[in-house]
Structure formats: C-alpha cells, structure tokens
Amino acid sequence: MLQKLAERGFDDLRVSHTTLFANLDPSGSRLVEIAGRAGITKQSMAAIADDLEGLGYIHRGPDPRDGRARLIWLTDRGRQAVARIDPIAQEIIKEYGQASGLPRVLRLSRDLAKVVADLELEPAQD
C-alpha cells in the first residue's frame, strides 16, 4: 500500500501514519479519541500527529463545541492521500487475485476484516 501511495506522490507516509488516518472522523476528532480508537497511548498518537502535521497531511485547531479542546482535520493533501487508499486496496486485491485466485483473496480480505473487527470489540489487555 505504501509503495503504491509513494508512486502516486505520497512518498513520505509510514505505516504508523495509517493509525491516525483510519481513526479520524471526517468532521475532525480529538487526539484522545483517535488514540483510544487505535488502541495506543495519547503520547504515541501525539507523535504521529506531530509528524503528519509537519508533513502537511493534518492540521489542528480549536473545537468549535469546546474552545478548550483541539480537533485534528485532514488538509487537502491528507484528503488526497486518504482518497487513494481504497482504490489502491482494490488494485492490490486484483493483483493478488490474479496470482492466487480472486475468491481466495476476497475470502482472506473478508476474514482479516472480521479479525480486526473482533479485536476492536475486545477490551484492552493490561
């Protein structure tokens, strides 16, 4: 995925950045909410957010509902990168499907999505 994003002009993204993208609401989210959804510490998510802000993918600003809080939103560059993820995923599925059989790859993709969903429902282990 990252290789294909790089080929499309987003060569500065890393795997860790996807945790923020995957857990950010289109209307903006608080850092603590994103970290909670991702299952990582606020400090780890803050480091990811700092990196993405420096790269121009997100920006932070006051929450219009609560002036004390700050929200994170995608910039135009961030929206452009995120908009390419699903088409690239479909491209990857097609490529693997040609090599291993599309039904098999689709089943694997569905099963992996179920595992992720199941993990999200389990309480965090200390």
C-alpha atoms as a PDB file:
ATOM      1  CA  MET A   1       0.000   0.000   0.000  1.00  0.00           C
ATOM      2  CA  LEU A   2       2.714   2.483   0.999  1.00  0.00           C
ATOM      3  CA  GLN A   3       4.735   1.679  -2.108  1.00  0.00           C
ATOM      4  CA  LYS A   4       1.732   2.404  -4.315  1.00  0.00           C
ATOM      5  CA  LEU A   5       0.971   5.613  -2.401  1.00  0.00           C
ATOM      6  CA  ALA A   6       4.603   6.645  -2.910  1.00  0.00           C
ATOM      7  CA  GLU A   7       4.254   6.028  -6.654  1.00  0.00           C
ATOM      8  CA  ARG A   8       1.346   8.496  -6.583  1.00  0.00           C
ATOM      9  CA  GLY A   9       3.307  11.249  -4.872  1.00  0.00           C
ATOM     10  CA  PHE A  10       2.869  10.384  -1.196  1.00  0.00           C
ATOM     11  CA  ASP A  11       6.345   9.013  -0.530  1.00  0.00           C
ATOM     12  CA  ASP A  12       6.638  10.453   2.963  1.00  0.00           C
ATOM     13  CA  LEU A  13       3.977   8.273   4.623  1.00  0.00           C
ATOM     14  CA  ARG A  14       4.834   5.484   7.061  1.00  0.00           C
ATOM     15  CA  VAL A  15       2.839   2.565   8.429  1.00  0.00           C
ATOM     16  CA  SER A  16       2.316   4.336  11.765  1.00  0.00           C
ATOM     17  CA  HIS A  17       0.533   7.190   9.981  1.00  0.00           C
ATOM     18  CA  THR A  18      -2.278   4.866   8.950  1.00  0.00           C
ATOM     19  CA  THR A  19      -3.390   4.533  12.572  1.00  0.00           C
ATOM     20  CA  LEU A  20      -4.358   8.185  12.610  1.00  0.00           C
ATOM     21  CA  PHE A  21      -5.954   8.174   9.145  1.00  0.00           C
ATOM     22  CA  ALA A  22      -8.036   5.088   9.952  1.00  0.00           C
ATOM     23  CA  ASN A  23      -9.417   6.569  13.167  1.00  0.00           C
ATOM     24  CA  LEU A  24     -10.037  10.194  12.195  1.00  0.00           C
ATOM     25  CA  ASP A  25     -13.622  11.352  11.683  1.00  0.00           C
ATOM     26  CA  PRO A  26     -14.229  13.404   8.522  1.00  0.00           C
ATOM     27  CA  SER A  27     -15.584  16.207  10.727  1.00  0.00           C
ATOM     28  CA  GLY A  28     -12.433  16.166  12.881  1.00  0.00           C
ATOM     29  CA  SER A  29     -11.503  14.314  16.043  1.00  0.00           C
ATOM     30  CA  ARG A  30      -9.751  14.969  19.317  1.00  0.00           C
ATOM     31  CA  LEU A  31      -6.360  13.346  19.749  1.00  0.00           C
ATOM     32  CA  VAL A  32      -7.521  11.325  22.759  1.00  0.00           C
ATOM     33  CA  GLU A  33     -10.440   9.909  20.703  1.00  0.00           C
ATOM     34  CA  ILE A  34      -8.145   8.884  17.851  1.00  0.00           C
ATOM     35  CA  ALA A  35      -5.695   7.245  20.258  1.00  0.00           C
ATOM     36  CA  GLY A  36      -8.498   5.381  22.020  1.00  0.00           C
ATOM     37  CA  ARG A  37      -9.914   4.030  18.754  1.00  0.00           C
ATOM     38  CA  ALA A  38      -6.441   2.987  17.637  1.00  0.00           C
ATOM     39  CA  GLY A  39      -5.682   1.326  20.975  1.00  0.00           C
ATOM     40  CA  ILE A  40      -2.468   3.271  21.537  1.00  0.00           C
ATOM     41  CA  THR A  41      -1.381   5.854  24.087  1.00  0.00           C
ATOM     42  CA  LYS A  42      -2.174   9.529  23.717  1.00  0.00           C
ATOM     43  CA  GLN A  43       1.570  10.216  23.667  1.00  0.00           C
ATOM     44  CA  SER A  44       2.160   7.800  20.765  1.00  0.00           C
ATOM     45  CA  MET A  45      -0.711   9.302  18.784  1.00  0.00           C
ATOM     46  CA  ALA A  46       0.579  12.805  19.537  1.00  0.00           C
ATOM     47  CA  ALA A  47       3.925  11.862  17.986  1.00  0.00           C
ATOM     48  CA  ILE A  48       2.166  10.535  14.886  1.00  0.00           C
ATOM     49  CA  ALA A  49       0.025  13.683  14.690  1.00  0.00           C
ATOM     50  CA  ASP A  50       3.096  15.910  15.058  1.00  0.00           C
ATOM     51  CA  ASP A  51       4.748  14.060  12.200  1.00  0.00           C
ATOM     52  CA  LEU A  52       1.685  14.229   9.931  1.00  0.00           C
ATOM     53  CA  GLU A  53       1.160  17.904  10.713  1.00  0.00           C
ATOM     54  CA  GLY A  54       4.778  18.625   9.809  1.00  0.00           C
ATOM     55  CA  LEU A  55       4.309  16.766   6.533  1.00  0.00           C
ATOM     56  CA  GLY A  56       1.160  18.745   5.733  1.00  0.00           C
ATOM     57  CA  TYR A  57      -1.423  15.938   5.981  1.00  0.00           C
ATOM     58  CA  ILE A  58      -3.355  17.226   9.005  1.00  0.00           C
ATOM     59  CA  HIS A  59      -3.941  20.448  10.863  1.00  0.00           C
ATOM     60  CA  ARG A  60      -5.130  21.151  14.380  1.00  0.00           C
ATOM     61  CA  GLY A  61      -7.441  23.839  15.603  1.00  0.00           C
ATOM     62  CA  PRO A  62      -9.921  24.714  18.317  1.00  0.00           C
ATOM     63  CA  ASP A  63     -13.005  22.543  18.708  1.00  0.00           C
ATOM     64  CA  PRO A  64     -15.980  24.795  17.889  1.00  0.00           C
ATOM     65  CA  ARG A  65     -18.031  22.930  20.533  1.00  0.00           C
ATOM     66  CA  ASP A  66     -15.427  23.341  23.270  1.00  0.00           C
ATOM     67  CA  GLY A  67     -12.828  26.093  22.984  1.00  0.00           C
ATOM     68  CA  ARG A  68     -10.538  24.323  25.457  1.00  0.00           C
ATOM     69  CA  ALA A  69     -10.218  21.264  23.220  1.00  0.00           C
ATOM     70  CA  ARG A  70      -8.430  20.930  19.889  1.00  0.00           C
ATOM     71  CA  LEU A  71      -9.515  18.946  16.852  1.00  0.00           C
ATOM     72  CA  ILE A  72      -7.484  17.304  14.132  1.00  0.00           C
ATOM     73  CA  TRP A  73      -8.619  17.522  10.497  1.00  0.00           C
ATOM     74  CA  LEU A  74      -7.179  16.366   7.192  1.00  0.00           C
ATOM     75  CA  THR A  75      -5.658  19.032   4.975  1.00  0.00           C
ATOM     76  CA  ASP A  76      -6.231  18.944   1.218  1.00  0.00           C
ATOM     77  CA  ARG A  77      -3.094  16.820   0.893  1.00  0.00           C
ATOM     78  CA  GLY A  78      -4.372  14.480   3.600  1.00  0.00           C
ATOM     79  CA  ARG A  79      -7.734  14.106   1.856  1.00  0.00           C
ATOM     80  CA  GLN A  80      -5.956  13.392  -1.430  1.00  0.00           C
ATOM     81  CA  ALA A  81      -3.858  10.637   0.163  1.00  0.00           C
ATOM     82  CA  VAL A  82      -6.783   9.051   2.017  1.00  0.00           C
ATOM     83  CA  ALA A  83      -8.941   9.147  -1.133  1.00  0.00           C
ATOM     84  CA  ARG A  84      -6.364   6.959  -2.897  1.00  0.00           C
ATOM     85  CA  ILE A  85      -6.288   4.236  -0.235  1.00  0.00           C
ATOM     86  CA  ASP A  86      -9.468   2.336  -1.207  1.00  0.00           C
ATOM     87  CA  PRO A  87      -8.689   2.292  -4.953  1.00  0.00           C
ATOM     88  CA  ILE A  88      -5.164   1.107  -4.172  1.00  0.00           C
ATOM     89  CA  ALA A  89      -6.557  -1.616  -1.877  1.00  0.00           C
ATOM     90  CA  GLN A  90      -8.802  -2.794  -4.723  1.00  0.00           C
ATOM     91  CA  GLU A  91      -5.806  -2.767  -7.069  1.00  0.00           C
ATOM     92  CA  ILE A  92      -3.823  -4.904  -4.608  1.00  0.00           C
ATOM     93  CA  ILE A  93      -6.725  -7.350  -4.231  1.00  0.00           C
ATOM     94  CA  LYS A  94      -6.934  -7.647  -8.014  1.00  0.00           C
ATOM     95  CA  GLU A  95      -3.162  -8.252  -8.312  1.00  0.00           C
ATOM     96  CA  TYR A  96      -3.175 -10.928  -5.610  1.00  0.00           C
ATOM     97  CA  GLY A  97      -6.366 -12.342  -7.083  1.00  0.00           C
ATOM     98  CA  GLN A  98      -4.650 -12.881 -10.416  1.00  0.00           C
ATOM     99  CA  ALA A  99      -1.815 -14.717  -8.676  1.00  0.00           C
ATOM    100  CA  SER A 100      -3.794 -16.741  -6.122  1.00  0.00           C
ATOM    101  CA  GLY A 101      -7.382 -16.682  -7.329  1.00  0.00           C
ATOM    102  CA  LEU A 102      -9.811 -13.870  -6.653  1.00  0.00           C
ATOM    103  CA  PRO A 103     -12.249 -15.887  -4.477  1.00  0.00           C
ATOM    104  CA  ARG A 104      -9.376 -16.906  -2.207  1.00  0.00           C
ATOM    105  CA  VAL A 105      -8.088 -13.331  -1.870  1.00  0.00           C
ATOM    106  CA  LEU A 106     -11.572 -11.936  -1.256  1.00  0.00           C
ATOM    107  CA  ARG A 107     -12.150 -14.566   1.442  1.00  0.00           C
ATOM    108  CA  LEU A 108      -8.819 -13.677   3.058  1.00  0.00           C
ATOM    109  CA  SER A 109      -9.661  -9.975   2.933  1.00  0.00           C
ATOM    110  CA  ARG A 110     -13.085 -10.609   4.494  1.00  0.00           C
ATOM    111  CA  ASP A 111     -11.579 -12.848   7.187  1.00  0.00           C
ATOM    112  CA  LEU A 112      -8.912 -10.275   8.057  1.00  0.00           C
ATOM    113  CA  ALA A 113     -11.557  -7.551   8.330  1.00  0.00           C
ATOM    114  CA  LYS A 114     -13.506  -9.808  10.716  1.00  0.00           C
ATOM    115  CA  VAL A 115     -10.407 -10.405  12.857  1.00  0.00           C
ATOM    116  CA  VAL A 116      -9.798  -6.656  13.063  1.00  0.00           C
ATOM    117  CA  ALA A 117     -13.445  -6.016  13.987  1.00  0.00           C
ATOM    118  CA  ASP A 118     -13.316  -8.736  16.639  1.00  0.00           C
ATOM    119  CA  LEU A 119     -10.134  -7.283  18.121  1.00  0.00           C
ATOM    120  CA  GLU A 120     -11.753  -3.852  18.299  1.00  0.00           C
ATOM    121  CA  LEU A 121     -14.626  -5.323  20.338  1.00  0.00           C
ATOM    122  CA  GLU A 122     -12.338  -6.979  22.893  1.00  0.00           C
ATOM    123  CA  PRO A 123     -11.381  -4.948  25.973  1.00  0.00           C
ATOM    124  CA  ALA A 124      -7.782  -3.771  26.033  1.00  0.00           C
ATOM    125  CA  GLN A 125      -5.396  -6.112  27.873  1.00  0.00           C
ATOM    126  CA  ASP A 126      -3.116  -4.560  30.504  1.00  0.00           C
END
